[in-house]
Protein backbone atom coordinates (compact mmCIF):
# COMPACT_ATOMS: atom_id res chain seq x y z
CA MET A 1 35.88 15.69 21.96
CA PRO A 2 31.99 14.61 21.76
CA LEU A 3 30.84 11.17 22.23
CA PHE A 4 29.82 10.61 18.70
CA ILE A 5 33.26 11.10 17.32
CA GLY A 6 34.81 8.36 19.71
CA ILE A 7 33.71 5.87 16.99
CA TYR A 8 36.85 6.69 15.53
CA ASN A 9 39.14 5.65 17.97
CA TYR A 10 39.78 1.94 17.07
CA SER A 11 43.77 0.79 17.17
CA TYR A 12 45.29 -0.40 14.10
CA SER A 13 45.23 -3.74 15.78
CA GLN A 14 41.45 -3.73 15.83
CA VAL A 15 41.24 -3.12 12.26
CA GLN A 16 43.60 -5.45 10.92
CA THR A 17 42.32 -8.56 13.09
CA ALA A 18 39.09 -7.51 11.15
CA VAL A 19 40.93 -7.66 7.50
CA ASP A 20 43.19 -10.56 8.41
CA SER A 21 39.48 -12.45 9.39
CA LEU A 22 37.89 -11.36 5.90
CA LYS A 23 41.13 -12.85 3.93
CA SER A 24 41.06 -15.87 5.80
CA THR A 25 37.24 -16.56 5.18
CA SER A 26 36.18 -19.83 3.38
CA SER A 27 32.65 -18.50 2.35
CA ARG A 28 31.89 -15.53 0.31
CA SER A 29 28.89 -14.79 2.58
CA ASP A 30 31.16 -14.86 5.30
CA SER A 31 33.64 -12.72 3.77
CA VAL A 32 30.59 -10.25 2.65
CA ASN A 33 29.48 -10.19 6.38
CA ILE A 34 32.54 -9.03 7.62
CA ARG A 35 33.86 -6.58 4.82
CA ASN A 36 30.07 -4.65 5.80
CA GLN A 37 31.18 -5.16 9.73
CA VAL A 38 34.40 -3.23 8.97
CA ILE A 39 32.74 -0.45 6.84
CA MET A 40 29.98 -0.13 9.38
CA SER A 41 33.04 0.41 12.36
CA LYS A 42 33.36 3.62 10.40
CA GLN A 43 29.65 4.92 10.83
CA TYR A 44 28.42 5.72 14.79
CA ASP A 45 24.79 5.10 15.69
CA VAL A 46 22.83 5.42 19.09
CA GLY A 47 23.73 1.81 20.32
CA ASP A 48 27.83 3.36 20.02
CA LEU A 49 26.42 6.46 21.86
CA PHE A 50 24.90 4.25 24.84
CA ARG A 51 28.43 2.35 25.06
CA ASN A 52 30.30 5.31 25.03
CA VAL A 53 28.15 7.23 27.64
CA PHE A 54 27.50 3.60 30.00
CA HIS A 55 30.78 1.88 29.52
CA PRO A 56 33.23 4.17 28.36
CA LYS A 57 36.17 2.04 28.36
CA ARG A 58 34.42 -0.81 26.62
CA LYS A 59 35.84 -1.26 23.19
CA ALA A 60 33.48 -1.86 20.17
CA ASP A 61 34.15 -5.41 18.44
CA LEU A 62 34.56 -4.99 14.84
CA LEU A 63 33.63 -8.97 14.13
CA LYS A 64 30.32 -9.17 16.40
CA LYS A 65 27.45 -9.18 14.60
CA LYS A 66 25.41 -6.30 15.27
CA SER A 67 21.57 -7.20 16.05
CA GLY A 68 18.77 -6.42 13.38
CA ILE A 69 16.75 -5.21 15.98
CA THR A 70 15.83 -1.85 17.49
CA ILE A 71 13.41 -1.06 20.12
CA ILE A 72 12.15 2.66 20.67
CA PRO A 73 9.61 4.33 22.37
CA ASN A 74 7.01 5.56 19.81
CA ILE A 75 7.03 9.55 20.54
CA ALA A 76 5.60 11.35 17.30
CA SER A 77 3.91 14.34 16.50
CA ASN A 78 2.17 15.32 13.41
CA PRO A 79 -1.02 17.14 12.26
CA SER A 80 -2.83 13.87 11.41
CA ILE A 81 -2.70 11.95 15.00
CA GLY A 82 -1.22 15.09 17.61
CA SER A 83 1.03 13.79 19.99
CA GLN A 84 1.84 9.88 20.12
CA LEU A 85 3.05 8.24 23.15
CA GLY A 86 3.76 4.31 22.49
CA ILE A 87 6.50 1.51 21.87
CA LYS A 88 7.57 0.41 18.69
CA ALA A 89 10.09 -2.22 17.31
CA VAL A 90 11.69 -2.54 13.91
CA ALA A 91 13.72 -5.57 12.80
CA GLY A 92 15.96 -6.29 9.42
CA LYS A 93 17.64 -9.54 8.70
CA ILE A 94 19.21 -11.35 5.76
CA LEU A 95 17.71 -14.71 5.70
CA GLY A 96 19.87 -17.60 4.92
CA ASN A 97 23.36 -17.54 3.79
CA ASN A 98 22.70 -16.73 0.17
CA PRO A 99 24.70 -13.18 -0.30
CA ASN A 100 22.10 -12.23 -3.20
CA THR A 101 18.84 -12.43 -0.51
CA PHE A 102 17.40 -9.16 -0.06
CA MET A 103 16.97 -7.70 4.03
CA SER A 104 13.83 -8.91 5.04
CA VAL A 105 12.35 -6.56 7.62
CA ALA A 106 9.15 -6.04 10.24
CA ALA A 107 7.81 -3.53 12.58
CA THR A 108 5.33 -3.16 14.98
CA SER A 109 3.59 -0.80 17.23
CA ALA A 110 1.35 0.19 20.07
CA SER A 111 0.19 3.51 20.55
CA ILE A 112 -2.09 6.31 21.91
CA THR A 113 -2.56 9.68 20.43
CA THR A 114 -3.99 13.06 21.89
CA LYS A 115 -6.84 12.83 19.36
CA GLY A 116 -7.89 9.83 20.58
CA ILE A 117 -6.39 7.28 18.49
CA ILE A 118 -5.57 4.09 19.78
CA TYR A 119 -3.32 1.93 16.80
CA PHE A 120 -1.70 -1.13 17.05
CA TYR A 121 -0.40 -2.50 13.88
CA ILE A 122 2.11 -5.58 12.41
CA ASN A 123 3.84 -5.21 9.16
CA HIS A 124 6.47 -7.42 7.44
CA ASN A 125 8.34 -7.54 3.88
CA VAL A 126 9.85 -10.96 3.97
CA TYR A 127 12.27 -12.36 1.12
CA THR A 128 13.22 -16.16 1.73
CA PRO A 129 17.06 -16.99 1.20
CA GLY A 130 17.98 -16.43 -2.68
CA ASN A 131 14.69 -14.18 -3.00
CA LYS A 132 12.95 -17.30 -4.45
CA TRP A 133 9.57 -16.15 -2.29
CA ASN A 134 8.56 -12.68 -0.99
CA PHE A 135 5.63 -12.24 1.89
CA GLN A 136 4.34 -8.80 2.40
CA GLY A 137 1.56 -7.73 4.92
CA ASN A 138 0.12 -5.98 7.55
CA LEU A 139 -2.49 -6.33 10.44
CA VAL A 140 -4.12 -3.29 11.78
CA ALA A 141 -6.41 -2.81 14.93
CA ALA A 142 -7.44 0.61 15.87
CA LYS A 143 -9.67 3.48 17.17
CA THR A 144 -9.31 6.25 14.85
CA VAL A 145 -10.19 9.68 14.53
CA THR A 146 -9.44 10.81 10.93
CA PRO A 147 -9.44 14.31 9.61
CA ASP A 148 -11.39 15.09 6.54
CA TYR A 149 -10.79 18.02 3.88
CA GLY A 150 -13.11 16.92 1.38
CA LEU A 151 -13.13 15.31 -2.14
CA GLY A 152 -10.56 16.16 -4.68
CA ILE A 153 -7.46 18.66 -5.28
CA GLY A 154 -8.98 21.97 -3.46
CA HIS A 155 -10.74 22.89 -6.68
CA GLY A 156 -14.35 23.73 -6.13
CA SER A 157 -17.31 22.94 -8.32
CA THR A 158 -20.49 25.59 -8.37
CA ILE A 159 -22.87 22.78 -9.87
CA SER A 160 -24.71 22.52 -6.49
CA GLU A 161 -24.85 23.36 -2.77
CA ALA A 162 -23.90 19.69 -2.11
CA ASP A 163 -21.47 19.48 -5.12
CA LEU A 164 -19.48 22.71 -3.53
CA ALA A 165 -19.63 21.10 0.13
CA LEU A 166 -18.32 17.72 -1.40
CA THR A 167 -15.42 19.69 -3.06
CA ASN A 168 -14.69 21.83 -0.18
CA PRO A 169 -12.45 24.24 -2.05
CA GLN A 170 -11.90 26.18 1.12
CA ARG A 171 -10.49 23.12 2.98
CA LYS A 172 -13.30 23.20 6.06
CA GLY A 173 -11.80 20.64 8.40
CA TYR A 174 -14.03 17.70 9.61
CA ALA A 175 -13.57 14.92 11.63
CA LEU A 176 -14.48 11.16 11.31
CA HIS A 177 -14.31 8.76 14.27
CA SER A 178 -14.31 5.14 14.05
CA LEU A 179 -12.74 1.74 14.44
CA PHE A 180 -10.95 0.25 12.15
CA TYR A 181 -9.40 -3.15 11.28
CA SER A 182 -7.38 -4.16 8.62
CA PHE A 183 -5.61 -7.34 7.17
CA ARG A 184 -3.48 -7.42 4.04
CA GLU A 185 -1.08 -10.65 2.76
CA LYS A 186 0.41 -10.60 -0.69
CA VAL A 187 2.46 -13.34 -1.59
CA TYR A 188 5.63 -13.12 -4.55
CA LYS A 189 7.34 -15.67 -6.37
CA GLU A 190 10.26 -14.77 -7.97
CA VAL A 191 10.28 -15.70 -11.90
CA GLN A 192 13.09 -13.93 -13.43
CA LYS A 193 16.12 -12.38 -11.38
CA ASN A 194 14.20 -9.45 -9.47
CA LEU A 195 11.49 -9.77 -11.18
CA PHE A 196 8.45 -11.37 -9.32
CA PHE A 197 4.78 -11.82 -9.78
CA GLY A 198 2.44 -11.75 -6.72
CA ALA A 199 -1.35 -12.30 -5.66
CA GLY A 200 -3.39 -11.92 -2.02
CA LEU A 201 -6.23 -10.64 -0.56
CA SER A 202 -7.14 -7.51 1.68
CA PHE A 203 -10.05 -6.70 3.86
CA ASP A 204 -10.39 -3.40 5.59
CA ILE A 205 -13.34 -2.91 7.88
CA ARG A 206 -14.79 0.43 9.50
CA LYS A 207 -17.29 0.38 12.47
CA ASP A 208 -19.44 3.13 14.55
CA ILE A 209 -18.30 5.59 11.79
CA GLN A 210 -19.60 8.86 13.74
CA ASP A 211 -19.14 13.06 12.57
CA ARG A 212 -19.42 13.94 16.27
CA ILE A 213 -19.54 17.79 15.68
CA SER A 214 -21.33 18.58 12.12
CA LYS A 215 -24.97 18.10 12.26
CA THR A 216 -25.89 18.66 8.75
CA ASP A 217 -25.81 16.57 6.03
CA LEU A 218 -24.09 18.62 3.91
CA THR A 219 -20.27 17.13 4.61
CA PRO A 220 -18.01 15.28 2.49
CA TYR A 221 -18.51 12.07 3.68
CA LYS A 222 -22.38 11.94 4.06
CA ILE A 223 -22.42 13.39 0.84
CA TYR A 224 -20.17 11.13 -0.78
CA SER A 225 -21.51 7.79 0.79
CA ASP A 226 -25.69 8.26 0.50
CA ARG A 227 -24.40 9.01 -3.19
CA TYR A 228 -22.91 5.97 -4.09
CA GLY A 229 -24.66 3.95 -2.07
CA PHE A 230 -22.43 3.54 1.15
CA GLU A 231 -23.93 3.05 4.59
CA ARG A 232 -22.90 5.99 6.81
CA GLY A 233 -22.29 3.96 10.06
CA ASP A 234 -20.16 0.90 9.18
CA TYR A 235 -18.64 -0.65 5.47
CA SER A 236 -16.24 -3.07 4.41
CA SER A 237 -13.59 -2.87 1.53
CA ASN A 238 -12.52 -6.77 1.02
CA GLY A 239 -10.53 -7.30 -2.41
CA LEU A 240 -8.23 -9.77 -4.36
CA LEU A 241 -4.54 -8.68 -5.12
CA PHE A 242 -2.24 -9.64 -8.34
CA ASN A 243 0.98 -7.76 -8.60
CA ALA A 244 4.02 -7.78 -10.28
CA GLN A 245 7.22 -6.52 -8.86
CA TYR A 246 10.49 -5.64 -9.72
CA THR A 247 13.59 -4.30 -7.09
CA THR A 248 16.93 -3.97 -7.27
CA ARG A 249 17.54 -1.76 -4.37
CA ASP A 250 20.19 -2.46 -1.88
CA ASN A 251 18.31 -1.85 1.42
CA GLN A 252 14.31 -2.03 2.21
CA ASN A 253 14.99 0.75 4.69
CA ARG A 254 17.37 3.16 3.35
CA ALA A 255 18.64 2.53 -0.08
CA TYR A 256 21.35 4.00 -1.90
CA LYS A 257 20.68 2.42 -5.35
CA GLY A 258 18.40 0.70 -7.23
CA ILE A 259 14.88 0.70 -8.18
CA TYR A 260 11.86 -0.49 -6.85
CA ALA A 261 8.78 -0.97 -9.15
CA ASP A 262 5.28 -2.44 -8.13
CA ALA A 263 1.92 -2.61 -10.14
CA GLY A 264 -1.35 -4.41 -9.68
CA PHE A 265 -4.96 -4.64 -9.23
CA ARG A 266 -7.14 -4.53 -6.81
CA LEU A 267 -10.75 -6.20 -7.26
CA ASN A 268 -13.28 -5.41 -4.53
CA GLN A 269 -15.73 -8.51 -4.34
CA THR A 270 -18.94 -8.48 -2.39
CA TRP A 271 -18.74 -12.08 -2.18
CA LEU A 272 -15.72 -11.64 -0.10
CA GLY A 273 -18.04 -9.42 1.73
CA SER A 274 -17.18 -6.07 0.57
CA SER A 275 -20.02 -3.29 0.60
CA LYS A 276 -19.32 -2.62 -2.92
CA SER A 277 -17.58 -4.15 -5.99
CA ALA A 278 -14.59 -1.98 -7.19
CA THR A 279 -11.55 -2.33 -9.98
CA GLN A 280 -8.60 -0.04 -9.58
CA PHE A 281 -5.03 0.02 -10.78
CA ILE A 282 -2.25 0.83 -8.22
CA THR A 283 1.60 1.64 -9.12
CA ASP A 284 4.49 2.37 -7.25
CA PHE A 285 7.88 3.37 -8.39
CA ARG A 286 11.20 4.42 -6.70
CA LYS A 287 14.35 5.25 -8.01
CA TYR A 288 17.38 5.69 -5.99
CA PHE A 289 21.02 7.83 -7.17
CA SER A 290 23.93 7.67 -5.37
CA LEU A 291 25.86 10.68 -6.46
CA SER A 292 29.48 9.44 -4.78
CA GLU A 293 31.14 6.05 -4.90
CA TRP A 294 33.07 6.79 -1.78
CA ASN A 295 30.23 8.63 -0.10
CA PRO A 296 27.05 6.69 -1.19
CA GLU A 297 24.82 8.55 1.56
CA HIS A 298 24.72 11.17 -0.97
CA VAL A 299 21.53 10.10 -2.75
CA ILE A 300 19.20 11.64 -5.22
CA ALA A 301 15.51 9.78 -4.51
CA PHE A 302 12.53 9.69 -6.45
CA TRP A 303 8.91 8.42 -5.64
CA ASN A 304 5.54 8.10 -7.63
CA TRP A 305 2.80 6.40 -6.13
CA GLY A 306 -0.97 6.07 -8.01
CA SER A 307 -4.15 5.01 -7.81
CA TYR A 308 -6.68 4.62 -10.51
CA LEU A 309 -10.67 3.31 -10.00
CA LEU A 310 -11.75 1.74 -13.42
CA GLY A 311 -14.86 0.65 -12.29
CA GLY A 312 -17.32 0.47 -9.35
CA ALA A 313 -17.40 2.45 -6.14
CA VAL A 314 -14.92 3.00 -3.17
CA PRO A 315 -15.92 4.00 0.37
CA TYR A 316 -14.97 7.75 1.18
CA LEU A 317 -12.45 6.99 3.59
CA GLU A 318 -10.93 4.38 1.66
CA LEU A 319 -10.16 6.62 -1.20
CA PRO A 320 -6.32 6.88 -2.18
CA GLY A 321 -5.05 10.27 -1.50
CA THR A 322 -2.08 11.92 0.60
CA ALA A 323 -0.83 9.44 2.72
CA LYS A 324 -2.90 6.82 1.94
CA ASP A 325 -0.05 4.70 0.58
CA ALA A 326 0.97 1.66 1.99
CA SER A 327 3.65 3.14 4.98
CA PHE A 328 1.52 6.09 5.31
CA ARG A 329 4.49 8.52 4.59
CA SER A 330 3.44 10.45 1.42
CA GLY A 331 2.64 14.13 1.43
CA ARG A 332 4.50 15.21 3.90
CA GLY A 333 3.45 18.95 5.10
CA TYR A 334 -0.21 17.51 5.29
CA THR A 335 -2.32 15.50 7.05
CA VAL A 336 -3.66 11.99 6.31
CA GLY A 337 -6.42 12.27 3.49
CA TYR A 338 -6.21 16.41 2.75
CA PHE A 339 -6.10 15.70 -1.00
CA LYS A 340 -8.02 12.78 -2.69
CA GLY A 341 -9.85 10.95 -5.26
CA THR A 342 -11.07 8.51 -7.38
CA LYS A 343 -7.62 8.84 -8.86
CA TYR A 344 -5.09 10.12 -7.50
CA ASN A 345 -1.26 10.60 -8.45
CA TYR A 346 1.76 11.64 -6.23
CA SER A 347 5.38 12.49 -6.91
CA GLU A 348 8.27 13.30 -4.65
CA VAL A 349 12.27 14.09 -5.12
CA GLU A 350 14.25 13.89 -2.18
CA TYR A 351 17.86 14.99 -1.49
CA ARG A 352 19.73 12.79 1.24
CA PHE A 353 23.18 13.70 2.83
CA PRO A 354 25.59 13.09 5.60
CA ILE A 355 26.19 15.70 7.98
CA LEU A 356 28.67 14.51 10.38
CA LYS A 357 31.52 12.09 9.28
CA ASN A 358 30.62 9.23 11.11
CA LYS A 359 26.94 9.47 9.63
CA PHE A 360 25.34 9.57 13.16
CA ILE A 361 23.53 12.83 11.61
CA SER A 362 22.28 13.49 8.32
CA GLY A 363 20.20 15.61 6.56
CA VAL A 364 17.51 15.84 3.99
CA THR A 365 15.19 18.38 1.73
CA PHE A 366 12.43 16.95 0.08
CA PHE A 367 9.76 18.07 -2.86
CA ASN A 368 6.56 16.82 -3.60
CA MET A 369 3.16 17.28 -5.74
CA GLN A 370 -0.14 15.86 -5.72
CA THR A 371 -3.23 15.60 -8.51
CA ALA A 372 -6.53 14.05 -7.56
CA ASN A 373 -10.07 14.25 -9.59
CA ASP A 374 -13.08 15.36 -8.00
CA ASP A 375 -15.77 13.19 -10.18
CA LEU A 376 -17.32 16.58 -10.63
CA GLY A 377 -15.06 18.00 -13.40
CA THR A 378 -11.85 18.48 -12.47
CA LYS A 379 -9.53 15.51 -13.73
CA LEU A 380 -6.37 13.84 -13.22
CA PHE A 381 -3.47 15.88 -13.64
CA GLU A 382 -5.48 19.22 -14.26
CA VAL A 383 -4.36 20.89 -10.61
CA TRP A 384 -1.89 20.25 -8.06
CA GLN A 385 -0.87 20.90 -4.99
CA PRO A 386 2.44 21.36 -3.89
CA GLY A 387 4.44 20.40 -0.73
CA GLY A 388 8.03 20.11 0.81
CA GLY A 389 10.38 20.49 3.72
CA ALA A 390 13.46 19.69 5.36
CA GLY A 391 14.65 17.45 8.37
CA LEU A 392 17.19 15.32 10.06
CA ARG A 393 18.18 12.19 10.35
CA VAL A 394 20.02 10.06 13.58
CA LEU A 395 21.30 6.87 12.61
CA PHE A 396 19.52 4.01 15.21
CA ASN A 397 21.15 1.08 14.04
CA LYS A 398 23.75 0.94 11.12
CA ALA A 399 23.67 -2.57 10.70
CA THR A 400 19.65 -2.28 8.82
CA ARG A 401 20.13 1.58 8.05
CA THR A 402 17.71 2.11 10.70
CA ASN A 403 17.07 5.98 11.04
CA LEU A 404 14.92 8.19 12.97
CA CYS A 405 13.28 10.95 10.78
CA LEU A 406 12.43 14.41 11.99
CA ASP A 407 11.09 16.58 9.65
CA TYR A 408 9.04 19.70 8.91
CA ALA A 409 7.20 20.60 6.29
CA TRP A 410 4.45 23.07 4.47
CA GLY A 411 1.95 22.98 2.40
CA LYS A 412 -0.63 25.02 0.87
CA TYR A 413 -4.06 26.35 2.94
CA GLY A 414 -1.74 27.04 6.08
CA ALA A 415 -1.07 22.87 5.65
CA ARG A 416 2.29 22.88 8.07
CA GLY A 417 3.49 20.38 10.69
CA PHE A 418 6.51 18.15 12.27
CA PHE A 419 6.34 14.79 11.19
CA LEU A 420 8.48 11.60 13.08
CA GLY A 421 8.88 8.36 11.81
CA LEU A 422 11.60 5.82 11.92
CA ASN A 423 13.11 5.02 8.22
CA GLU A 424 12.97 6.94 5.50
CA ALA A 425 9.52 7.73 4.19
CA PHE A 426 10.41 5.91 0.73
């Protein structure tokens, strides 16, 4: 019998002990916790695999609360970063004893890649007991190499040689080296059940920006920076954030059901040190449909993310585009920023399904569409670019529904790649 089937070798007495404990528990929150432990006993994750390999005679304790912390080597590969080596830790925990509290999650990572990228980040999404407050934020320090394929959606303009180079319809690849520092923090207050209003600050700073290959001034980054009055070597994009959020999803890492919606304004301000003032409207909508009450891992998930410049100017590398969402997971099939514009909209649908009965291995198929303007004639929603693929999921931590994601995706212009990550793309 394969090791990953061994989770079903629990005796009747073990399960009955858990059930009896559930019946005799005095508090509702304890009852919910024990019930969840019984449900999770039917699932198998990497921790169970290690126990079966290194301690095959040790029986699993159904009543022992499983740790919400997962530490793994940060080994990844995709077209944006090359091959990556580092370490990553993710954590999930429900704060307090209120059974209606959403799970709080956090992650940190330090890594280096074959493309010379050094990256460190910390991010968090914390709900206080009873969901009275929600804190969302991240901190990034990095030496980056950013791929660049021009402005817009791959639809060229023939107004001038510079415009043709800027829109780059042939999708010629460029690379920009820089030092990148980012800090973002938003604080939300629940005003009605599942409805939050919040505000915050965001600072995005790039230093020592270099194009080490192209000797001409006819590159998208140089043309855009000169045209909109940004220094080529460095800039800051610092602003105020005002958001409204509505969420009912049952898990932050891997939802089976519910909605997540967030909409808000970003106001870049020169008095905060921003190189230019700008106003952006940003939306994020996600909906999850579980197709089976008895097997809730069968899920249809839908995601739409958009960012729209209402006024002012945004630095070239901070324009919204492929994988420029908060978790950098959109647009599988393309590199970061492959398509971008002052206005950008992205949609994706994904089908998630278990492969093994114990949920250790699952699968996904997905399809996405992107559209952007190029500020030179092509309008938003006028041209669309598709992407799609399929992948496997390995259950790393069943207590927090933490998955290792292995996806292969395709796009146009020969774009394709193998994408690794921890937790679902959305």
